[in-house]
Amino acid sequence: MAGTKAGAAKAAATNKARHGKDFYANIGRKGGKAGRTGGFYANRDLARVAGAKGGRISRRGPAKKAE
């Protein structure tokens, strides 16, 4: 049943049984500790540049004026 909610729940239960109840918390902790940049909150200029880059490559058309 891969790719379904039931399959995901079964996989999560298996992971918790094999690796402990804090399996997913440990994954998140490792990811948080690995980060070095501080994210967009720490660097507003980086956020502005990234947003502009995303806007340039967006596949959406120009905004339509509401009447």
C-alpha atoms as a PDB file:
ATOM      1  CA  MET A   1       0.000   0.000   0.000  1.00  0.00           C
ATOM      2  CA  ALA A   2       2.784   2.409  -0.747  1.00  0.00           C
ATOM      3  CA  GLY A   3       1.671   5.944  -1.471  1.00  0.00           C
ATOM      4  CA  THR A   4      -1.452   5.948   0.702  1.00  0.00           C
ATOM      5  CA  LYS A   5      -2.270   7.346   4.143  1.00  0.00           C
ATOM      6  CA  ALA A   6      -2.579   3.830   5.483  1.00  0.00           C
ATOM      7  CA  GLY A   7       0.831   2.911   4.078  1.00  0.00           C
ATOM      8  CA  ALA A   8       2.395   6.025   5.573  1.00  0.00           C
ATOM      9  CA  ALA A   9       0.911   5.279   8.986  1.00  0.00           C
ATOM     10  CA  LYS A  10       2.227   1.722   8.800  1.00  0.00           C
ATOM     11  CA  ALA A  11       5.705   2.927   7.825  1.00  0.00           C
ATOM     12  CA  ALA A  12       5.700   5.488  10.645  1.00  0.00           C
ATOM     13  CA  ALA A  13       4.706   2.808  13.148  1.00  0.00           C
ATOM     14  CA  THR A  14       7.489   0.538  11.870  1.00  0.00           C
ATOM     15  CA  ASN A  15      10.094   3.311  12.140  1.00  0.00           C
ATOM     16  CA  LYS A  16       9.012   4.148  15.685  1.00  0.00           C
ATOM     17  CA  ALA A  17       9.082   0.475  16.703  1.00  0.00           C
ATOM     18  CA  ARG A  18      12.557  -0.075  15.260  1.00  0.00           C
ATOM     19  CA  HIS A  19      14.234   3.182  16.229  1.00  0.00           C
ATOM     20  CA  GLY A  20      12.309   4.462  19.247  1.00  0.00           C
ATOM     21  CA  LYS A  21       9.383   6.800  19.766  1.00  0.00           C
ATOM     22  CA  ASP A  22      11.535   9.888  19.205  1.00  0.00           C
ATOM     23  CA  PHE A  23      12.665   8.800  15.716  1.00  0.00           C
ATOM     24  CA  TYR A  24      11.167  11.769  13.873  1.00  0.00           C
ATOM     25  CA  ALA A  25      12.168  14.231  16.600  1.00  0.00           C
ATOM     26  CA  ASN A  26      15.782  13.107  16.209  1.00  0.00           C
ATOM     27  CA  ILE A  27      15.646  13.606  12.450  1.00  0.00           C
ATOM     28  CA  GLY A  28      14.379  17.157  12.961  1.00  0.00           C
ATOM     29  CA  ARG A  29      16.971  17.867  15.622  1.00  0.00           C
ATOM     30  CA  LYS A  30      19.802  16.772  13.334  1.00  0.00           C
ATOM     31  CA  GLY A  31      18.500  18.952  10.522  1.00  0.00           C
ATOM     32  CA  GLY A  32      18.197  21.960  12.798  1.00  0.00           C
ATOM     33  CA  LYS A  33      21.700  21.529  14.154  1.00  0.00           C
ATOM     34  CA  ALA A  34      23.146  21.145  10.650  1.00  0.00           C
ATOM     35  CA  GLY A  35      21.841  24.544   9.549  1.00  0.00           C
ATOM     36  CA  ARG A  36      24.392  27.350   9.556  1.00  0.00           C
ATOM     37  CA  THR A  37      22.763  30.261   7.775  1.00  0.00           C
ATOM     38  CA  GLY A  38      19.980  31.205  10.190  1.00  0.00           C
ATOM     39  CA  GLY A  39      17.427  31.302   7.404  1.00  0.00           C
ATOM     40  CA  PHE A  40      15.619  34.250   5.892  1.00  0.00           C
ATOM     41  CA  TYR A  41      14.678  35.725   9.262  1.00  0.00           C
ATOM     42  CA  ALA A  42      18.339  36.425   9.953  1.00  0.00           C
ATOM     43  CA  ASN A  43      19.078  37.909   6.541  1.00  0.00           C
ATOM     44  CA  ARG A  44      16.329  40.047   5.010  1.00  0.00           C
ATOM     45  CA  ASP A  45      18.418  40.910   1.942  1.00  0.00           C
ATOM     46  CA  LEU A  46      18.836  37.221   1.162  1.00  0.00           C
ATOM     47  CA  ALA A  47      15.056  36.795   1.427  1.00  0.00           C
ATOM     48  CA  ARG A  48      14.475  39.702  -0.960  1.00  0.00           C
ATOM     49  CA  VAL A  49      16.916  38.296  -3.527  1.00  0.00           C
ATOM     50  CA  ALA A  50      15.399  34.814  -3.291  1.00  0.00           C
ATOM     51  CA  GLY A  51      11.859  36.169  -3.668  1.00  0.00           C
ATOM     52  CA  ALA A  52      12.845  38.185  -6.714  1.00  0.00           C
ATOM     53  CA  LYS A  53      14.510  35.138  -8.245  1.00  0.00           C
ATOM     54  CA  GLY A  54      11.384  33.067  -7.669  1.00  0.00           C
ATOM     55  CA  GLY A  55       9.241  35.798  -9.205  1.00  0.00           C
ATOM     56  CA  ARG A  56      11.369  35.903 -12.324  1.00  0.00           C
ATOM     57  CA  ILE A  57      11.141  32.181 -12.971  1.00  0.00           C
ATOM     58  CA  SER A  58       7.493  31.843 -11.981  1.00  0.00           C
ATOM     59  CA  ARG A  59       5.290  30.136 -14.551  1.00  0.00           C
ATOM     60  CA  ARG A  60       2.280  32.205 -13.569  1.00  0.00           C
ATOM     61  CA  GLY A  61       1.281  35.038 -15.813  1.00  0.00           C
ATOM     62  CA  PRO A  62       1.065  38.668 -14.742  1.00  0.00           C
ATOM     63  CA  ALA A  63      -1.501  39.578 -12.106  1.00  0.00           C
ATOM     64  CA  LYS A  64      -4.934  40.536 -13.399  1.00  0.00           C
ATOM     65  CA  LYS A  65      -6.557  43.743 -12.178  1.00  0.00           C
ATOM     66  CA  ALA A  66      -9.712  43.286 -10.151  1.00  0.00           C
ATOM     67  CA  GLU A  67     -12.591  45.506 -11.214  1.00  0.00           C
END
